[in-house]
């Protein structure tokens, strides 16, 4: 029981968000079901958008920023207001909406409506129906508004809008290990009956997940007491070389914290998060 409580208190679960509820309401449902004081999702999806919604649990919420700002992938349906040839439409997209683009967030966005630059790595039309509905796949930098790409494209071709959208990937989280709210509810029910196998399978340990998004280095066991109080890393603490400006620290496979590289008279890193 103690082990599963630790996992729930410092884990991540990848929920398959349905169409309808907000990302916040889905996250709050997960939080209440697991009897946690805090949970947070990593990247808002509009109510009608479905798909990958990773949710950090308990103290893992402090690590959200290290997971959030990674590439996202989507599949969706673009509806054009006039008939379009798929090849000609792809040429317009390639010319104007692939690569580094400028966007102003939509009016309903929670962020300030200021022009921003985002990278669109690909935006491919996969097939068309009646020359007005086009299935597409795109991979973009985090913070890119797909709905805005569709509407901006519409201004060039006589009107278009995003009819459907599903997020298929958010950083290290994809559709390979994703759970519907129904599956989550069933796991919670079994957990409360003393069967923890399903809920254990659903939750990813934040200790392991952080290794997939940050470089990491091992430290000596004898320095853990000092590090757990928030003291900085010195060169003699390390058993390897630091890679990257922000990195994770482990000791014998156990996660210690996240540090930022510095160069201050022997100090090589200062803590941004310490797990203790």
C-alpha atoms as a PDB file:
ATOM      1  CA  UNK A   1       0.000   0.000   0.000  1.00  0.00           C
ATOM      2  CA  UNK A   2       2.815   2.395   0.859  1.00  0.00           C
ATOM      3  CA  UNK A   3       4.447   1.841  -2.524  1.00  0.00           C
ATOM      4  CA  UNK A   4       1.296   2.605  -4.530  1.00  0.00           C
ATOM      5  CA  UNK A   5       0.679   5.731  -2.425  1.00  0.00           C
ATOM      6  CA  UNK A   6       4.183   6.942  -3.274  1.00  0.00           C
ATOM      7  CA  UNK A   7       3.517   6.356  -6.961  1.00  0.00           C
ATOM      8  CA  UNK A   8       0.208   8.235  -6.827  1.00  0.00           C
ATOM      9  CA  UNK A   9       1.823  11.084  -4.904  1.00  0.00           C
ATOM     10  CA  UNK A  10       4.644  11.503  -7.410  1.00  0.00           C
ATOM     11  CA  UNK A  11       3.423  10.179 -10.725  1.00  0.00           C
ATOM     12  CA  UNK A  12       1.928  11.030 -14.107  1.00  0.00           C
ATOM     13  CA  UNK A  13      -1.132   9.535 -15.804  1.00  0.00           C
ATOM     14  CA  UNK A  14      -1.922   9.935 -19.502  1.00  0.00           C
ATOM     15  CA  UNK A  15      -5.679  10.404 -19.914  1.00  0.00           C
ATOM     16  CA  UNK A  16      -7.508  10.106 -23.233  1.00  0.00           C
ATOM     17  CA  UNK A  17      -9.547  13.287 -22.942  1.00  0.00           C
ATOM     18  CA  UNK A  18     -13.049  12.977 -24.414  1.00  0.00           C
ATOM     19  CA  UNK A  19     -14.904  15.684 -26.322  1.00  0.00           C
ATOM     20  CA  UNK A  20     -16.990  17.882 -24.021  1.00  0.00           C
ATOM     21  CA  UNK A  21     -15.320  18.486 -20.665  1.00  0.00           C
ATOM     22  CA  UNK A  22     -12.545  21.021 -20.154  1.00  0.00           C
ATOM     23  CA  UNK A  23      -8.985  19.947 -19.454  1.00  0.00           C
ATOM     24  CA  UNK A  24      -9.372  21.446 -15.987  1.00  0.00           C
ATOM     25  CA  UNK A  25     -12.503  19.423 -15.173  1.00  0.00           C
ATOM     26  CA  UNK A  26     -10.855  16.175 -16.324  1.00  0.00           C
ATOM     27  CA  UNK A  27      -7.805  16.965 -14.194  1.00  0.00           C
ATOM     28  CA  UNK A  28      -9.947  17.804 -11.182  1.00  0.00           C
ATOM     29  CA  UNK A  29     -11.844  14.528 -11.575  1.00  0.00           C
ATOM     30  CA  UNK A  30      -8.545  12.618 -11.545  1.00  0.00           C
ATOM     31  CA  UNK A  31      -7.358  14.587  -8.510  1.00  0.00           C
ATOM     32  CA  UNK A  32     -10.511  13.899  -6.496  1.00  0.00           C
ATOM     33  CA  UNK A  33     -10.618  10.234  -7.502  1.00  0.00           C
ATOM     34  CA  UNK A  34      -7.075   9.730  -6.226  1.00  0.00           C
ATOM     35  CA  UNK A  35      -7.733  11.818  -3.083  1.00  0.00           C
ATOM     36  CA  UNK A  36      -4.909  14.228  -3.890  1.00  0.00           C
ATOM     37  CA  UNK A  37      -4.570  17.860  -2.876  1.00  0.00           C
ATOM     38  CA  UNK A  38      -3.098  18.774  -6.251  1.00  0.00           C
ATOM     39  CA  UNK A  39      -2.950  17.603  -9.867  1.00  0.00           C
ATOM     40  CA  UNK A  40      -2.214  19.559 -13.049  1.00  0.00           C
ATOM     41  CA  UNK A  41      -2.492  18.862 -16.759  1.00  0.00           C
ATOM     42  CA  UNK A  42       0.379  19.523 -19.151  1.00  0.00           C
ATOM     43  CA  UNK A  43      -1.145  21.543 -21.978  1.00  0.00           C
ATOM     44  CA  UNK A  44      -4.757  22.639 -22.330  1.00  0.00           C
ATOM     45  CA  UNK A  45      -7.032  21.037 -24.903  1.00  0.00           C
ATOM     46  CA  UNK A  46     -10.204  22.855 -25.991  1.00  0.00           C
ATOM     47  CA  UNK A  47     -13.391  21.174 -24.722  1.00  0.00           C
ATOM     48  CA  UNK A  48     -14.185  19.645 -28.140  1.00  0.00           C
ATOM     49  CA  UNK A  49     -10.629  18.418 -28.716  1.00  0.00           C
ATOM     50  CA  UNK A  50      -9.783  14.855 -27.689  1.00  0.00           C
ATOM     51  CA  UNK A  51      -6.656  12.848 -27.026  1.00  0.00           C
ATOM     52  CA  UNK A  52      -3.423  12.906 -25.074  1.00  0.00           C
ATOM     53  CA  UNK A  53      -3.736  14.790 -21.764  1.00  0.00           C
ATOM     54  CA  UNK A  54      -0.848  13.967 -19.396  1.00  0.00           C
ATOM     55  CA  UNK A  55      -1.686  14.839 -15.784  1.00  0.00           C
ATOM     56  CA  UNK A  56       0.928  15.240 -13.067  1.00  0.00           C
ATOM     57  CA  UNK A  57      -0.033  14.000  -9.609  1.00  0.00           C
ATOM     58  CA  UNK A  58       0.865  15.382  -6.190  1.00  0.00           C
ATOM     59  CA  UNK A  59       4.401  16.703  -5.899  1.00  0.00           C
ATOM     60  CA  UNK A  60       5.055  15.786  -9.546  1.00  0.00           C
ATOM     61  CA  UNK A  61       3.136  18.976 -10.393  1.00  0.00           C
ATOM     62  CA  UNK A  62       6.365  20.810  -9.571  1.00  0.00           C
ATOM     63  CA  UNK A  63       7.952  19.090 -12.579  1.00  0.00           C
ATOM     64  CA  UNK A  64       5.261  20.059 -15.109  1.00  0.00           C
ATOM     65  CA  UNK A  65       7.350  22.765 -16.763  1.00  0.00           C
ATOM     66  CA  UNK A  66      10.032  20.235 -17.744  1.00  0.00           C
ATOM     67  CA  UNK A  67       7.488  18.127 -19.656  1.00  0.00           C
ATOM     68  CA  UNK A  68       5.167  20.743 -21.139  1.00  0.00           C
ATOM     69  CA  UNK A  69       7.234  22.659 -23.664  1.00  0.00           C
ATOM     70  CA  UNK A  70       7.914  19.821 -26.063  1.00  0.00           C
ATOM     71  CA  UNK A  71       6.566  19.045 -29.521  1.00  0.00           C
ATOM     72  CA  UNK A  72       2.907  18.139 -29.979  1.00  0.00           C
ATOM     73  CA  UNK A  73       1.286  16.078 -32.746  1.00  0.00           C
ATOM     74  CA  UNK A  74      -2.328  16.087 -33.915  1.00  0.00           C
ATOM     75  CA  UNK A  75      -4.712  14.556 -36.396  1.00  0.00           C
ATOM     76  CA  UNK A  76      -7.731  16.554 -37.447  1.00  0.00           C
ATOM     77  CA  UNK A  77     -10.227  17.544 -40.105  1.00  0.00           C
ATOM     78  CA  UNK A  78      -9.935  20.813 -42.009  1.00  0.00           C
ATOM     79  CA  UNK A  79     -13.224  21.992 -43.528  1.00  0.00           C
ATOM     80  CA  UNK A  80     -12.937  24.464 -46.412  1.00  0.00           C
ATOM     81  CA  UNK A  81     -15.842  26.731 -47.327  1.00  0.00           C
ATOM     82  CA  UNK A  82     -15.176  26.237 -51.032  1.00  0.00           C
ATOM     83  CA  UNK A  83     -14.096  23.174 -52.979  1.00  0.00           C
ATOM     84  CA  UNK A  84     -10.312  22.775 -53.043  1.00  0.00           C
ATOM     85  CA  UNK A  85      -7.842  20.571 -54.892  1.00  0.00           C
ATOM     86  CA  UNK A  86      -5.820  18.692 -52.283  1.00  0.00           C
ATOM     87  CA  UNK A  87      -2.503  19.165 -54.067  1.00  0.00           C
ATOM     88  CA  UNK A  88      -3.027  22.910 -54.557  1.00  0.00           C
ATOM     89  CA  UNK A  89      -4.131  23.257 -50.941  1.00  0.00           C
ATOM     90  CA  UNK A  90      -1.020  21.428 -49.729  1.00  0.00           C
ATOM     91  CA  UNK A  91       1.134  23.874 -51.696  1.00  0.00           C
ATOM     92  CA  UNK A  92      -0.518  26.827 -49.927  1.00  0.00           C
ATOM     93  CA  UNK A  93       0.070  25.142 -46.564  1.00  0.00           C
ATOM     94  CA  UNK A  94       3.715  24.338 -47.343  1.00  0.00           C
ATOM     95  CA  UNK A  95       4.395  27.900 -48.397  1.00  0.00           C
ATOM     96  CA  UNK A  96       2.685  29.680 -45.506  1.00  0.00           C
ATOM     97  CA  UNK A  97       2.268  27.337 -42.550  1.00  0.00           C
ATOM     98  CA  UNK A  98       5.289  25.036 -42.397  1.00  0.00           C
ATOM     99  CA  UNK A  99       8.490  26.165 -40.731  1.00  0.00           C
ATOM    100  CA  UNK A 100       8.729  29.230 -38.497  1.00  0.00           C
ATOM    101  CA  UNK A 101       5.354  30.993 -38.479  1.00  0.00           C
ATOM    102  CA  UNK A 102       3.834  33.959 -36.644  1.00  0.00           C
ATOM    103  CA  UNK A 103       0.593  33.613 -34.695  1.00  0.00           C
ATOM    104  CA  UNK A 104      -1.686  35.771 -32.600  1.00  0.00           C
ATOM    105  CA  UNK A 105      -3.565  33.608 -30.060  1.00  0.00           C
ATOM    106  CA  UNK A 106      -7.348  33.406 -30.636  1.00  0.00           C
ATOM    107  CA  UNK A 107      -9.740  35.662 -28.699  1.00  0.00           C
ATOM    108  CA  UNK A 108     -10.822  32.844 -26.374  1.00  0.00           C
ATOM    109  CA  UNK A 109      -7.241  31.991 -25.423  1.00  0.00           C
ATOM    110  CA  UNK A 110      -6.178  32.309 -21.794  1.00  0.00           C
ATOM    111  CA  UNK A 111      -2.854  33.905 -22.788  1.00  0.00           C
ATOM    112  CA  UNK A 112      -2.097  37.460 -23.832  1.00  0.00           C
ATOM    113  CA  UNK A 113      -3.017  38.156 -27.468  1.00  0.00           C
ATOM    114  CA  UNK A 114       0.446  39.162 -28.620  1.00  0.00           C
ATOM    115  CA  UNK A 115       2.192  37.981 -31.776  1.00  0.00           C
ATOM    116  CA  UNK A 116       4.404  34.961 -31.206  1.00  0.00           C
ATOM    117  CA  UNK A 117       6.592  32.716 -33.326  1.00  0.00           C
ATOM    118  CA  UNK A 118       6.137  28.959 -33.401  1.00  0.00           C
ATOM    119  CA  UNK A 119       7.681  26.114 -35.402  1.00  0.00           C
ATOM    120  CA  UNK A 120       5.459  23.888 -37.531  1.00  0.00           C
ATOM    121  CA  UNK A 121       7.535  20.815 -38.373  1.00  0.00           C
ATOM    122  CA  UNK A 122       4.958  19.255 -40.682  1.00  0.00           C
ATOM    123  CA  UNK A 123       1.373  19.778 -41.781  1.00  0.00           C
ATOM    124  CA  UNK A 124       0.261  17.064 -44.216  1.00  0.00           C
ATOM    125  CA  UNK A 125      -3.112  16.591 -45.855  1.00  0.00           C
ATOM    126  CA  UNK A 126      -3.685  12.829 -45.791  1.00  0.00           C
ATOM    127  CA  UNK A 127      -6.911  12.561 -47.758  1.00  0.00           C
ATOM    128  CA  UNK A 128      -9.857  14.653 -48.921  1.00  0.00           C
ATOM    129  CA  UNK A 129     -13.622  14.117 -49.063  1.00  0.00           C
ATOM    130  CA  UNK A 130     -15.913  16.054 -51.414  1.00  0.00           C
ATOM    131  CA  UNK A 131     -13.030  18.528 -51.898  1.00  0.00           C
ATOM    132  CA  UNK A 132     -14.084  20.296 -48.698  1.00  0.00           C
ATOM    133  CA  UNK A 133     -13.135  18.024 -45.792  1.00  0.00           C
ATOM    134  CA  UNK A 134      -9.457  17.137 -45.446  1.00  0.00           C
ATOM    135  CA  UNK A 135      -7.901  14.770 -42.937  1.00  0.00           C
ATOM    136  CA  UNK A 136      -4.537  16.136 -41.785  1.00  0.00           C
ATOM    137  CA  UNK A 137      -1.611  15.295 -39.532  1.00  0.00           C
ATOM    138  CA  UNK A 138       0.683  17.912 -38.031  1.00  0.00           C
ATOM    139  CA  UNK A 139       3.624  18.108 -35.680  1.00  0.00           C
ATOM    140  CA  UNK A 140       4.274  21.459 -34.041  1.00  0.00           C
ATOM    141  CA  UNK A 141       6.166  23.251 -31.320  1.00  0.00           C
ATOM    142  CA  UNK A 142       4.335  23.400 -27.991  1.00  0.00           C
ATOM    143  CA  UNK A 143       2.037  26.409 -27.764  1.00  0.00           C
ATOM    144  CA  UNK A 144       1.020  26.367 -31.442  1.00  0.00           C
ATOM    145  CA  UNK A 145      -2.690  26.909 -32.098  1.00  0.00           C
ATOM    146  CA  UNK A 146      -3.944  24.461 -34.736  1.00  0.00           C
ATOM    147  CA  UNK A 147      -7.366  26.090 -34.892  1.00  0.00           C
ATOM    148  CA  UNK A 148      -5.653  29.396 -35.720  1.00  0.00           C
ATOM    149  CA  UNK A 149      -3.632  27.808 -38.535  1.00  0.00           C
ATOM    150  CA  UNK A 150      -6.876  26.541 -40.053  1.00  0.00           C
ATOM    151  CA  UNK A 151      -8.628  29.904 -39.800  1.00  0.00           C
ATOM    152  CA  UNK A 152      -5.585  31.813 -41.094  1.00  0.00           C
ATOM    153  CA  UNK A 153      -5.440  29.411 -44.034  1.00  0.00           C
ATOM    154  CA  UNK A 154      -9.117  30.105 -44.604  1.00  0.00           C
ATOM    155  CA  UNK A 155      -8.400  33.801 -45.062  1.00  0.00           C
ATOM    156  CA  UNK A 156      -6.201  32.886 -48.035  1.00  0.00           C
ATOM    157  CA  UNK A 157      -8.547  30.424 -49.749  1.00  0.00           C
ATOM    158  CA  UNK A 158     -12.035  31.825 -49.215  1.00  0.00           C
ATOM    159  CA  UNK A 159     -12.768  30.369 -45.816  1.00  0.00           C
ATOM    160  CA  UNK A 160     -11.827  27.315 -43.726  1.00  0.00           C
ATOM    161  CA  UNK A 161     -12.058  26.121 -40.162  1.00  0.00           C
ATOM    162  CA  UNK A 162     -10.968  23.203 -37.996  1.00  0.00           C
ATOM    163  CA  UNK A 163     -13.841  20.710 -37.810  1.00  0.00           C
ATOM    164  CA  UNK A 164     -12.216  18.071 -35.578  1.00  0.00           C
ATOM    165  CA  UNK A 165      -8.944  17.669 -33.695  1.00  0.00           C
ATOM    166  CA  UNK A 166      -7.241  14.958 -31.661  1.00  0.00           C
ATOM    167  CA  UNK A 167      -3.874  15.273 -29.937  1.00  0.00           C
ATOM    168  CA  UNK A 168      -1.832  12.138 -30.598  1.00  0.00           C
ATOM    169  CA  UNK A 169       1.377  13.133 -28.850  1.00  0.00           C
ATOM    170  CA  UNK A 170       2.687  15.572 -26.238  1.00  0.00           C
ATOM    171  CA  UNK A 171       6.415  15.239 -25.699  1.00  0.00           C
ATOM    172  CA  UNK A 172       7.149  11.737 -24.381  1.00  0.00           C
ATOM    173  CA  UNK A 173       3.436  10.910 -24.029  1.00  0.00           C
ATOM    174  CA  UNK A 174       1.518   9.347 -26.906  1.00  0.00           C
ATOM    175  CA  UNK A 175      -1.332   6.973 -27.637  1.00  0.00           C
ATOM    176  CA  UNK A 176       0.640   3.809 -26.845  1.00  0.00           C
ATOM    177  CA  UNK A 177      -0.186   4.073 -23.131  1.00  0.00           C
ATOM    178  CA  UNK A 178      -3.337   6.148 -22.701  1.00  0.00           C
ATOM    179  CA  UNK A 179      -6.492   5.569 -20.663  1.00  0.00           C
ATOM    180  CA  UNK A 180     -10.112   6.643 -21.044  1.00  0.00           C
ATOM    181  CA  UNK A 181     -12.017   8.071 -18.105  1.00  0.00           C
ATOM    182  CA  UNK A 182     -14.071   4.877 -18.039  1.00  0.00           C
ATOM    183  CA  UNK A 183     -10.902   2.750 -17.727  1.00  0.00           C
ATOM    184  CA  UNK A 184      -9.620   5.111 -15.031  1.00  0.00           C
ATOM    185  CA  UNK A 185     -12.886   4.840 -13.086  1.00  0.00           C
ATOM    186  CA  UNK A 186     -12.732   1.049 -13.246  1.00  0.00           C
ATOM    187  CA  UNK A 187      -9.148   1.090 -11.947  1.00  0.00           C
ATOM    188  CA  UNK A 188     -10.142   3.403  -9.077  1.00  0.00           C
ATOM    189  CA  UNK A 189     -13.035   1.110  -8.159  1.00  0.00           C
ATOM    190  CA  UNK A 190     -10.740  -1.934  -8.032  1.00  0.00           C
ATOM    191  CA  UNK A 191      -8.098  -0.007  -6.087  1.00  0.00           C
ATOM    192  CA  UNK A 192     -10.623   0.867  -3.395  1.00  0.00           C
ATOM    193  CA  UNK A 193     -11.498  -2.831  -3.238  1.00  0.00           C
ATOM    194  CA  UNK A 194      -7.854  -3.651  -2.565  1.00  0.00           C
ATOM    195  CA  UNK A 195      -6.798  -4.493  -6.132  1.00  0.00           C
ATOM    196  CA  UNK A 196      -4.111  -2.024  -7.173  1.00  0.00           C
ATOM    197  CA  UNK A 197      -2.777  -3.700 -10.341  1.00  0.00           C
ATOM    198  CA  UNK A 198      -4.711  -1.571 -12.857  1.00  0.00           C
ATOM    199  CA  UNK A 199      -4.050   1.809 -11.250  1.00  0.00           C
ATOM    200  CA  UNK A 200      -0.380   0.888 -10.792  1.00  0.00           C
ATOM    201  CA  UNK A 201      -0.119   0.089 -14.504  1.00  0.00           C
ATOM    202  CA  UNK A 202      -1.695   3.400 -15.500  1.00  0.00           C
ATOM    203  CA  UNK A 203       0.586   5.690 -13.508  1.00  0.00           C
ATOM    204  CA  UNK A 204       4.092   6.476 -14.714  1.00  0.00           C
ATOM    205  CA  UNK A 205       6.650   7.229 -12.020  1.00  0.00           C
ATOM    206  CA  UNK A 206       7.828  10.833 -12.323  1.00  0.00           C
ATOM    207  CA  UNK A 207      11.283   9.588 -11.313  1.00  0.00           C
ATOM    208  CA  UNK A 208      11.521   7.563 -14.504  1.00  0.00           C
ATOM    209  CA  UNK A 209       9.719  10.062 -16.728  1.00  0.00           C
ATOM    210  CA  UNK A 210      12.145  12.887 -15.900  1.00  0.00           C
ATOM    211  CA  UNK A 211      15.010  10.829 -17.348  1.00  0.00           C
ATOM    212  CA  UNK A 212      13.293  10.981 -20.739  1.00  0.00           C
ATOM    213  CA  UNK A 213      13.154  14.768 -20.908  1.00  0.00           C
ATOM    214  CA  UNK A 214      16.325  15.879 -19.100  1.00  0.00           C
ATOM    215  CA  UNK A 215      19.950  14.748 -19.134  1.00  0.00           C
ATOM    216  CA  UNK A 216      20.943  13.257 -15.782  1.00  0.00           C
ATOM    217  CA  UNK A 217      24.010  12.657 -13.664  1.00  0.00           C
ATOM    218  CA  UNK A 218      24.737  10.388 -10.675  1.00  0.00           C
ATOM    219  CA  UNK A 219      26.011  11.697  -7.330  1.00  0.00           C
ATOM    220  CA  UNK A 220      27.744  10.018  -4.413  1.00  0.00           C
ATOM    221  CA  UNK A 221      25.527   8.533  -1.707  1.00  0.00           C
ATOM    222  CA  UNK A 222      27.325  10.292   1.130  1.00  0.00           C
ATOM    223  CA  UNK A 223      26.259  13.759  -0.109  1.00  0.00           C
ATOM    224  CA  UNK A 224      22.500  13.047  -0.135  1.00  0.00           C
ATOM    225  CA  UNK A 225      21.854  14.506   3.323  1.00  0.00           C
ATOM    226  CA  UNK A 226      23.250  17.848   2.223  1.00  0.00           C
ATOM    227  CA  UNK A 227      21.490  17.859  -1.140  1.00  0.00           C
ATOM    228  CA  UNK A 228      18.113  17.015   0.406  1.00  0.00           C
ATOM    229  CA  UNK A 229      18.308  20.259   2.396  1.00  0.00           C
ATOM    230  CA  UNK A 230      18.619  22.238  -0.839  1.00  0.00           C
ATOM    231  CA  UNK A 231      22.370  22.820  -0.746  1.00  0.00           C
ATOM    232  CA  UNK A 232      24.090  23.379  -4.119  1.00  0.00           C
ATOM    233  CA  UNK A 233      26.018  20.749  -6.039  1.00  0.00           C
ATOM    234  CA  UNK A 234      29.795  20.918  -5.937  1.00  0.00           C
ATOM    235  CA  UNK A 235      32.078  19.170  -8.384  1.00  0.00           C
ATOM    236  CA  UNK A 236      33.201  16.584  -5.819  1.00  0.00           C
ATOM    237  CA  UNK A 237      29.596  15.376  -5.407  1.00  0.00           C
ATOM    238  CA  UNK A 238      29.436  14.067  -8.968  1.00  0.00           C
ATOM    239  CA  UNK A 239      30.142  10.613 -10.374  1.00  0.00           C
ATOM    240  CA  UNK A 240      29.900  11.818 -13.971  1.00  0.00           C
ATOM    241  CA  UNK A 241      29.811  14.853 -16.214  1.00  0.00           C
ATOM    242  CA  UNK A 242      26.985  17.376 -16.365  1.00  0.00           C
ATOM    243  CA  UNK A 243      25.248  17.626 -19.719  1.00  0.00           C
ATOM    244  CA  UNK A 244      22.847  20.475 -20.412  1.00  0.00           C
ATOM    245  CA  UNK A 245      21.968  23.702 -18.634  1.00  0.00           C
ATOM    246  CA  UNK A 246      19.148  22.012 -16.709  1.00  0.00           C
ATOM    247  CA  UNK A 247      19.642  18.415 -15.581  1.00  0.00           C
ATOM    248  CA  UNK A 248      18.327  15.757 -13.217  1.00  0.00           C
ATOM    249  CA  UNK A 249      20.354  14.263 -10.383  1.00  0.00           C
ATOM    250  CA  UNK A 250      20.110  10.612  -9.343  1.00  0.00           C
ATOM    251  CA  UNK A 251      21.820   8.448  -6.757  1.00  0.00           C
ATOM    252  CA  UNK A 252      21.888   4.725  -7.429  1.00  0.00           C
ATOM    253  CA  UNK A 253      18.774   5.061  -9.565  1.00  0.00           C
ATOM    254  CA  UNK A 254      16.863   7.172  -7.012  1.00  0.00           C
ATOM    255  CA  UNK A 255      15.767  10.633  -8.172  1.00  0.00           C
ATOM    256  CA  UNK A 256      17.249  13.464  -6.096  1.00  0.00           C
ATOM    257  CA  UNK A 257      16.169  16.628  -7.900  1.00  0.00           C
ATOM    258  CA  UNK A 258      16.457  19.004 -10.832  1.00  0.00           C
ATOM    259  CA  UNK A 259      19.362  21.439 -11.001  1.00  0.00           C
ATOM    260  CA  UNK A 260      20.494  24.347 -13.124  1.00  0.00           C
ATOM    261  CA  UNK A 261      24.146  24.459 -14.137  1.00  0.00           C
ATOM    262  CA  UNK A 262      26.226  27.300 -12.672  1.00  0.00           C
ATOM    263  CA  UNK A 263      29.904  28.129 -12.363  1.00  0.00           C
ATOM    264  CA  UNK A 264      30.436  29.749  -8.963  1.00  0.00           C
ATOM    265  CA  UNK A 265      33.779  28.918  -7.355  1.00  0.00           C
ATOM    266  CA  UNK A 266      33.355  25.158  -7.246  1.00  0.00           C
ATOM    267  CA  UNK A 267      29.562  25.150  -7.246  1.00  0.00           C
ATOM    268  CA  UNK A 268      28.337  23.450 -10.413  1.00  0.00           C
ATOM    269  CA  UNK A 269      24.565  23.372  -9.899  1.00  0.00           C
ATOM    270  CA  UNK A 270      21.765  24.945  -7.899  1.00  0.00           C
ATOM    271  CA  UNK A 271      18.522  23.161  -7.108  1.00  0.00           C
ATOM    272  CA  UNK A 272      15.273  24.056  -8.879  1.00  0.00           C
ATOM    273  CA  UNK A 273      13.445  21.098  -7.333  1.00  0.00           C
ATOM    274  CA  UNK A 274      14.483  18.628  -4.634  1.00  0.00           C
ATOM    275  CA  UNK A 275      12.586  15.412  -3.919  1.00  0.00           C
ATOM    276  CA  UNK A 276      12.843  14.722  -0.209  1.00  0.00           C
END
